[in-house]
Amino acid sequence: MIICHCRGINDRTVRDAIAAGTVTVDELAEACGTGSDCGGCRPALAELIVEHTGQPIELAYRIRTALA
């Protein structure tokens, strides 16, 4: 299923990036480009991060350096 319509990125690409250690929406944008244009898919990206990591949704929106 397409998650990011601007870039044509599907959920498999996003899930692979999360499995590789991506834990924030901004990191996903850097890793595969999703969420970096209009931002309409960012809530769905956050939900996928929560689904795979179990972290609170608020953390999916934070910048990793703020978590350290």
PDB file of N, CA and C in Angstrom:
ATOM      1  N   MET A   1       0.846  -1.167   0.000  1.00  0.00           N
ATOM      2  CA  MET A   1       0.000   0.000   0.000  1.00  0.00           C
ATOM      3  C   MET A   1       0.900   1.242   0.000  1.00  0.00           C
ATOM      4  N   ILE A   2       0.530   2.219  -0.798  1.00  0.00           N
ATOM      5  CA  ILE A   2       1.292   3.478  -0.867  1.00  0.00           C
ATOM      6  C   ILE A   2       1.019   4.291   0.402  1.00  0.00           C
ATOM      7  N   ILE A   3       2.083   4.687   1.065  1.00  0.00           N
ATOM      8  CA  ILE A   3       1.990   5.526   2.262  1.00  0.00           C
ATOM      9  C   ILE A   3       2.224   6.983   1.892  1.00  0.00           C
ATOM     10  N   CYS A   4       3.265   7.219   1.117  1.00  0.00           N
ATOM     11  CA  CYS A   4       3.624   8.577   0.699  1.00  0.00           C
ATOM     12  C   CYS A   4       3.287   8.734  -0.775  1.00  0.00           C
ATOM     13  N   HIS A   5       2.219   9.457  -1.060  1.00  0.00           N
ATOM     14  CA  HIS A   5       1.793   9.642  -2.444  1.00  0.00           C
ATOM     15  C   HIS A   5       2.697  10.609  -3.201  1.00  0.00           C
ATOM     16  N   CYS A   6       3.291  11.552  -2.516  1.00  0.00           N
ATOM     17  CA  CYS A   6       4.187  12.502  -3.181  1.00  0.00           C
ATOM     18  C   CYS A   6       5.383  11.789  -3.812  1.00  0.00           C
ATOM     19  N   ARG A   7       5.901  10.811  -3.099  1.00  0.00           N
ATOM     20  CA  ARG A   7       7.107  10.113  -3.557  1.00  0.00           C
ATOM     21  C   ARG A   7       6.836   8.686  -4.013  1.00  0.00           C
ATOM     22  N   GLY A   8       5.590   8.221  -3.870  1.00  0.00           N
ATOM     23  CA  GLY A   8       5.239   6.869  -4.290  1.00  0.00           C
ATOM     24  C   GLY A   8       5.893   5.788  -3.443  1.00  0.00           C
ATOM     25  N   ILE A   9       6.025   6.042  -2.148  1.00  0.00           N
ATOM     26  CA  ILE A   9       6.705   5.105  -1.248  1.00  0.00           C
ATOM     27  C   ILE A   9       5.669   4.234  -0.551  1.00  0.00           C
ATOM     28  N   ASN A  10       5.928   2.919  -0.578  1.00  0.00           N
ATOM     29  CA  ASN A  10       4.961   1.992   0.006  1.00  0.00           C
ATOM     30  C   ASN A  10       5.310   1.621   1.445  1.00  0.00           C
ATOM     31  N   ASP A  11       4.363   0.931   2.080  1.00  0.00           N
ATOM     32  CA  ASP A  11       4.535   0.570   3.485  1.00  0.00           C
ATOM     33  C   ASP A  11       5.690  -0.399   3.696  1.00  0.00           C
ATOM     34  N   ARG A  12       6.001  -1.224   2.734  1.00  0.00           N
ATOM     35  CA  ARG A  12       7.116  -2.166   2.878  1.00  0.00           C
ATOM     36  C   ARG A  12       8.441  -1.416   3.023  1.00  0.00           C
ATOM     37  N   THR A  13       8.630  -0.375   2.232  1.00  0.00           N
ATOM     38  CA  THR A  13       9.841   0.436   2.324  1.00  0.00           C
ATOM     39  C   THR A  13       9.937   1.094   3.695  1.00  0.00           C
ATOM     40  N   VAL A  14       8.807   1.608   4.172  1.00  0.00           N
ATOM     41  CA  VAL A  14       8.778   2.256   5.488  1.00  0.00           C
ATOM     42  C   VAL A  14       9.063   1.234   6.581  1.00  0.00           C
ATOM     43  N   ARG A  15       8.424   0.075   6.511  1.00  0.00           N
ATOM     44  CA  ARG A  15       8.642  -0.973   7.528  1.00  0.00           C
ATOM     45  C   ARG A  15      10.098  -1.445   7.528  1.00  0.00           C
ATOM     46  N   ASP A  16      10.700  -1.549   6.358  1.00  0.00           N
ATOM     47  CA  ASP A  16      12.107  -1.946   6.280  1.00  0.00           C
ATOM     48  C   ASP A  16      13.002  -0.908   6.953  1.00  0.00           C
ATOM     49  N   ALA A  17      12.708   0.368   6.742  1.00  0.00           N
ATOM     50  CA  ALA A  17      13.495   1.436   7.368  1.00  0.00           C
ATOM     51  C   ALA A  17      13.338   1.408   8.882  1.00  0.00           C
ATOM     52  N   ILE A  18      12.133   1.142   9.355  1.00  0.00           N
ATOM     53  CA  ILE A  18      11.895   1.051  10.798  1.00  0.00           C
ATOM     54  C   ILE A  18      12.647  -0.148  11.367  1.00  0.00           C
ATOM     55  N   ALA A  19      12.591  -1.272  10.677  1.00  0.00           N
ATOM     56  CA  ALA A  19      13.305  -2.467  11.126  1.00  0.00           C
ATOM     57  C   ALA A  19      14.814  -2.239  11.178  1.00  0.00           C
ATOM     58  N   ALA A  20      15.305  -1.337  10.344  1.00  0.00           N
ATOM     59  CA  ALA A  20      16.737  -1.018  10.313  1.00  0.00           C
ATOM     60  C   ALA A  20      17.139  -0.018  11.397  1.00  0.00           C
ATOM     61  N   GLY A  21      16.163   0.448  12.201  1.00  0.00           N
ATOM     62  CA  GLY A  21      16.506   1.319  13.314  1.00  0.00           C
ATOM     63  C   GLY A  21      15.969   2.731  13.264  1.00  0.00           C
ATOM     64  N   THR A  22      15.194   3.062  12.262  1.00  0.00           N
ATOM     65  CA  THR A  22      14.596   4.387  12.171  1.00  0.00           C
ATOM     66  C   THR A  22      13.476   4.486  13.198  1.00  0.00           C
ATOM     67  N   VAL A  23      13.543   5.484  14.096  1.00  0.00           N
ATOM     68  CA  VAL A  23      12.547   5.550  15.170  1.00  0.00           C
ATOM     69  C   VAL A  23      11.772   6.867  15.232  1.00  0.00           C
ATOM     70  N   THR A  24      12.022   7.778  14.292  1.00  0.00           N
ATOM     71  CA  THR A  24      11.242   9.010  14.258  1.00  0.00           C
ATOM     72  C   THR A  24      10.795   9.293  12.825  1.00  0.00           C
ATOM     73  N   VAL A  25       9.771  10.123  12.705  1.00  0.00           N
ATOM     74  CA  VAL A  25       9.264  10.515  11.391  1.00  0.00           C
ATOM     75  C   VAL A  25      10.340  11.258  10.608  1.00  0.00           C
ATOM     76  N   ASP A  26      11.108  12.110  11.270  1.00  0.00           N
ATOM     77  CA  ASP A  26      12.183  12.838  10.590  1.00  0.00           C
ATOM     78  C   ASP A  26      13.262  11.898  10.071  1.00  0.00           C
ATOM     79  N   GLU A  27      13.567  10.856  10.833  1.00  0.00           N
ATOM     80  CA  GLU A  27      14.546   9.876  10.375  1.00  0.00           C
ATOM     81  C   GLU A  27      14.036   9.124   9.151  1.00  0.00           C
ATOM     82  N   LEU A  28      12.744   8.843   9.111  1.00  0.00           N
ATOM     83  CA  LEU A  28      12.171   8.201   7.925  1.00  0.00           C
ATOM     84  C   LEU A  28      12.325   9.098   6.705  1.00  0.00           C
ATOM     85  N   ALA A  29      12.109  10.386   6.897  1.00  0.00           N
ATOM     86  CA  ALA A  29      12.280  11.329   5.786  1.00  0.00           C
ATOM     87  C   ALA A  29      13.709  11.289   5.265  1.00  0.00           C
ATOM     88  N   GLU A  30      14.667  11.206   6.171  1.00  0.00           N
ATOM     89  CA  GLU A  30      16.069  11.128   5.766  1.00  0.00           C
ATOM     90  C   GLU A  30      16.395   9.781   5.128  1.00  0.00           C
ATOM     91  N   ALA A  31      15.847   8.706   5.683  1.00  0.00           N
ATOM     92  CA  ALA A  31      16.188   7.359   5.230  1.00  0.00           C
ATOM     93  C   ALA A  31      15.613   7.026   3.859  1.00  0.00           C
ATOM     94  N   CYS A  32      14.355   7.401   3.629  1.00  0.00           N
ATOM     95  CA  CYS A  32      13.735   6.979   2.363  1.00  0.00           C
ATOM     96  C   CYS A  32      12.922   8.073   1.674  1.00  0.00           C
ATOM     97  N   GLY A  33      12.895   9.279   2.241  1.00  0.00           N
ATOM     98  CA  GLY A  33      12.228  10.398   1.594  1.00  0.00           C
ATOM     99  C   GLY A  33      10.770  10.571   1.953  1.00  0.00           C
ATOM    100  N   THR A  34      10.178   9.579   2.577  1.00  0.00           N
ATOM    101  CA  THR A  34       8.762   9.665   2.907  1.00  0.00           C
ATOM    102  C   THR A  34       8.498  10.736   3.954  1.00  0.00           C
ATOM    103  N   GLY A  35       7.430  11.487   3.768  1.00  0.00           N
ATOM    104  CA  GLY A  35       7.070  12.539   4.718  1.00  0.00           C
ATOM    105  C   GLY A  35       7.843  13.824   4.564  1.00  0.00           C
ATOM    106  N   SER A  36       8.655  13.921   3.531  1.00  0.00           N
ATOM    107  CA  SER A  36       9.502  15.103   3.399  1.00  0.00           C
ATOM    108  C   SER A  36       8.950  16.151   2.437  1.00  0.00           C
ATOM    109  N   ASP A  37       7.832  15.865   1.782  1.00  0.00           N
ATOM    110  CA  ASP A  37       7.244  16.853   0.875  1.00  0.00           C
ATOM    111  C   ASP A  37       6.045  17.527   1.546  1.00  0.00           C
ATOM    112  N   CYS A  38       4.850  17.081   1.287  1.00  0.00           N
ATOM    113  CA  CYS A  38       3.660  17.761   1.824  1.00  0.00           C
ATOM    114  C   CYS A  38       3.415  17.452   3.299  1.00  0.00           C
ATOM    115  N   GLY A  39       3.893  16.303   3.775  1.00  0.00           N
ATOM    116  CA  GLY A  39       3.718  15.939   5.184  1.00  0.00           C
ATOM    117  C   GLY A  39       2.409  15.251   5.496  1.00  0.00           C
ATOM    118  N   GLY A  40       1.576  15.036   4.506  1.00  0.00           N
ATOM    119  CA  GLY A  40       0.284  14.402   4.742  1.00  0.00           C
ATOM    120  C   GLY A  40       0.372  12.980   5.271  1.00  0.00           C
ATOM    121  N   CYS A  41       1.482  12.308   5.011  1.00  0.00           N
ATOM    122  CA  CYS A  41       1.631  10.921   5.450  1.00  0.00           C
ATOM    123  C   CYS A  41       2.301  10.804   6.819  1.00  0.00           C
ATOM    124  N   ARG A  42       2.734  11.900   7.394  1.00  0.00           N
ATOM    125  CA  ARG A  42       3.465  11.840   8.664  1.00  0.00           C
ATOM    126  C   ARG A  42       2.677  11.184   9.800  1.00  0.00           C
ATOM    127  N   PRO A  43       1.373  11.413   9.943  1.00  0.00           N
ATOM    128  CA  PRO A  43       0.635  10.683  10.987  1.00  0.00           C
ATOM    129  C   PRO A  43       0.644   9.165  10.759  1.00  0.00           C
ATOM    130  N   ALA A  44       0.508   8.733   9.514  1.00  0.00           N
ATOM    131  CA  ALA A  44       0.556   7.300   9.211  1.00  0.00           C
ATOM    132  C   ALA A  44       1.948   6.740   9.493  1.00  0.00           C
ATOM    133  N   LEU A  45       2.975   7.511   9.210  1.00  0.00           N
ATOM    134  CA  LEU A  45       4.344   7.084   9.504  1.00  0.00           C
ATOM    135  C   LEU A  45       4.546   6.912  10.998  1.00  0.00           C
ATOM    136  N   ALA A  46       4.037   7.860  11.767  1.00  0.00           N
ATOM    137  CA  ALA A  46       4.145   7.768  13.227  1.00  0.00           C
ATOM    138  C   ALA A  46       3.437   6.523  13.740  1.00  0.00           C
ATOM    139  N   GLU A  47       2.280   6.227  13.189  1.00  0.00           N
ATOM    140  CA  GLU A  47       1.537   5.025  13.597  1.00  0.00           C
ATOM    141  C   GLU A  47       2.323   3.754  13.291  1.00  0.00           C
ATOM    142  N   LEU A  48       2.977   3.701  12.142  1.00  0.00           N
ATOM    143  CA  LEU A  48       3.792   2.533  11.801  1.00  0.00           C
ATOM    144  C   LEU A  48       4.970   2.393  12.756  1.00  0.00           C
ATOM    145  N   ILE A  49       5.577   3.509  13.124  1.00  0.00           N
ATOM    146  CA  ILE A  49       6.678   3.471  14.087  1.00  0.00           C
ATOM    147  C   ILE A  49       6.183   2.914  15.414  1.00  0.00           C
ATOM    148  N   VAL A  50       5.053   3.405  15.889  1.00  0.00           N
ATOM    149  CA  VAL A  50       4.482   2.927  17.152  1.00  0.00           C
ATOM    150  C   VAL A  50       4.163   1.438  17.064  1.00  0.00           C
ATOM    151  N   GLU A  51       3.585   1.026  15.954  1.00  0.00           N
ATOM    152  CA  GLU A  51       3.229  -0.376  15.753  1.00  0.00           C
ATOM    153  C   GLU A  51       4.454  -1.287  15.864  1.00  0.00           C
ATOM    154  N   HIS A  52       5.560  -0.852  15.316  1.00  0.00           N
ATOM    155  CA  HIS A  52       6.754  -1.699  15.280  1.00  0.00           C
ATOM    156  C   HIS A  52       7.672  -1.545  16.482  1.00  0.00           C
ATOM    157  N   THR A  53       7.640  -0.398  17.144  1.00  0.00           N
ATOM    158  CA  THR A  53       8.566  -0.177  18.254  1.00  0.00           C
ATOM    159  C   THR A  53       7.895  -0.224  19.611  1.00  0.00           C
ATOM    160  N   GLY A  54       6.602   0.029  19.650  1.00  0.00           N
ATOM    161  CA  GLY A  54       5.894   0.066  20.921  1.00  0.00           C
ATOM    162  C   GLY A  54       6.118   1.344  21.708  1.00  0.00           C
ATOM    163  N   GLN A  55       6.854   2.280  21.139  1.00  0.00           N
ATOM    164  CA  GLN A  55       7.102   3.539  21.836  1.00  0.00           C
ATOM    165  C   GLN A  55       5.863   4.427  21.762  1.00  0.00           C
ATOM    166  N   PRO A  56       5.718   5.369  22.691  1.00  0.00           N
ATOM    167  CA  PRO A  56       4.604   6.313  22.616  1.00  0.00           C
ATOM    168  C   PRO A  56       4.669   7.140  21.338  1.00  0.00           C
ATOM    169  N   ILE A  57       3.521   7.483  20.801  1.00  0.00           N
ATOM    170  CA  ILE A  57       3.471   8.222  19.537  1.00  0.00           C
ATOM    171  C   ILE A  57       4.206   9.555  19.612  1.00  0.00           C
ATOM    172  N   GLU A  58       4.244  10.172  20.772  1.00  0.00           N
ATOM    173  CA  GLU A  58       4.941  11.446  20.916  1.00  0.00           C
ATOM    174  C   GLU A  58       6.420  11.304  20.565  1.00  0.00           C
ATOM    175  N   LEU A  59       7.005  10.152  20.870  1.00  0.00           N
ATOM    176  CA  LEU A  59       8.418   9.941  20.579  1.00  0.00           C
ATOM    177  C   LEU A  59       8.685   9.779  19.092  1.00  0.00           C
ATOM    178  N   ALA A  60       7.702   9.314  18.357  1.00  0.00           N
ATOM    179  CA  ALA A  60       7.858   9.153  16.907  1.00  0.00           C
ATOM    180  C   ALA A  60       8.035  10.492  16.215  1.00  0.00           C
ATOM    181  N   TYR A  61       7.576  11.561  16.850  1.00  0.00           N
ATOM    182  CA  TYR A  61       7.687  12.894  16.266  1.00  0.00           C
ATOM    183  C   TYR A  61       8.919  13.654  16.760  1.00  0.00           C
ATOM    184  N   ARG A  62       9.646  13.123  17.701  1.00  0.00           N
ATOM    185  CA  ARG A  62      10.808  13.820  18.244  1.00  0.00           C
ATOM    186  C   ARG A  62      12.042  13.591  17.405  1.00  0.00           C
ATOM    187  N   ILE A  63      12.951  14.495  17.541  1.00  0.00           N
ATOM    188  CA  ILE A  63      14.250  14.367  16.884  1.00  0.00           C
ATOM    189  C   ILE A  63      15.110  13.472  17.774  1.00  0.00           C
ATOM    190  N   ARG A  64      15.786  12.522  17.163  1.00  0.00           N
ATOM    191  CA  ARG A  64      16.555  11.521  17.923  1.00  0.00           C
ATOM    192  C   ARG A  64      17.518  12.153  18.906  1.00  0.00           C
ATOM    193  N   THR A  65      18.188  13.238  18.568  1.00  0.00           N
ATOM    194  CA  THR A  65      19.158  13.847  19.471  1.00  0.00           C
ATOM    195  C   THR A  65      18.475  14.336  20.742  1.00  0.00           C
ATOM    196  N   ALA A  66      17.186  14.650  20.661  1.00  0.00           N
ATOM    197  CA  ALA A  66      16.464  15.086  21.850  1.00  0.00           C
ATOM    198  C   ALA A  66      16.210  13.901  22.779  1.00  0.00           C
ATOM    199  N   LEU A  67      16.290  12.690  22.268  1.00  0.00           N
ATOM    200  CA  LEU A  67      16.043  11.497  23.087  1.00  0.00           C
ATOM    201  C   LEU A  67      17.296  11.065  23.837  1.00  0.00           C
ATOM    202  N   ALA A  68      18.447  11.494  23.384  1.00  0.00           N
ATOM    203  CA  ALA A  68      19.711  11.043  23.984  1.00  0.00           C
ATOM    204  C   ALA A  68      19.976  11.717  25.312  1.00  0.00           C
TER     205      ALA A  68
END
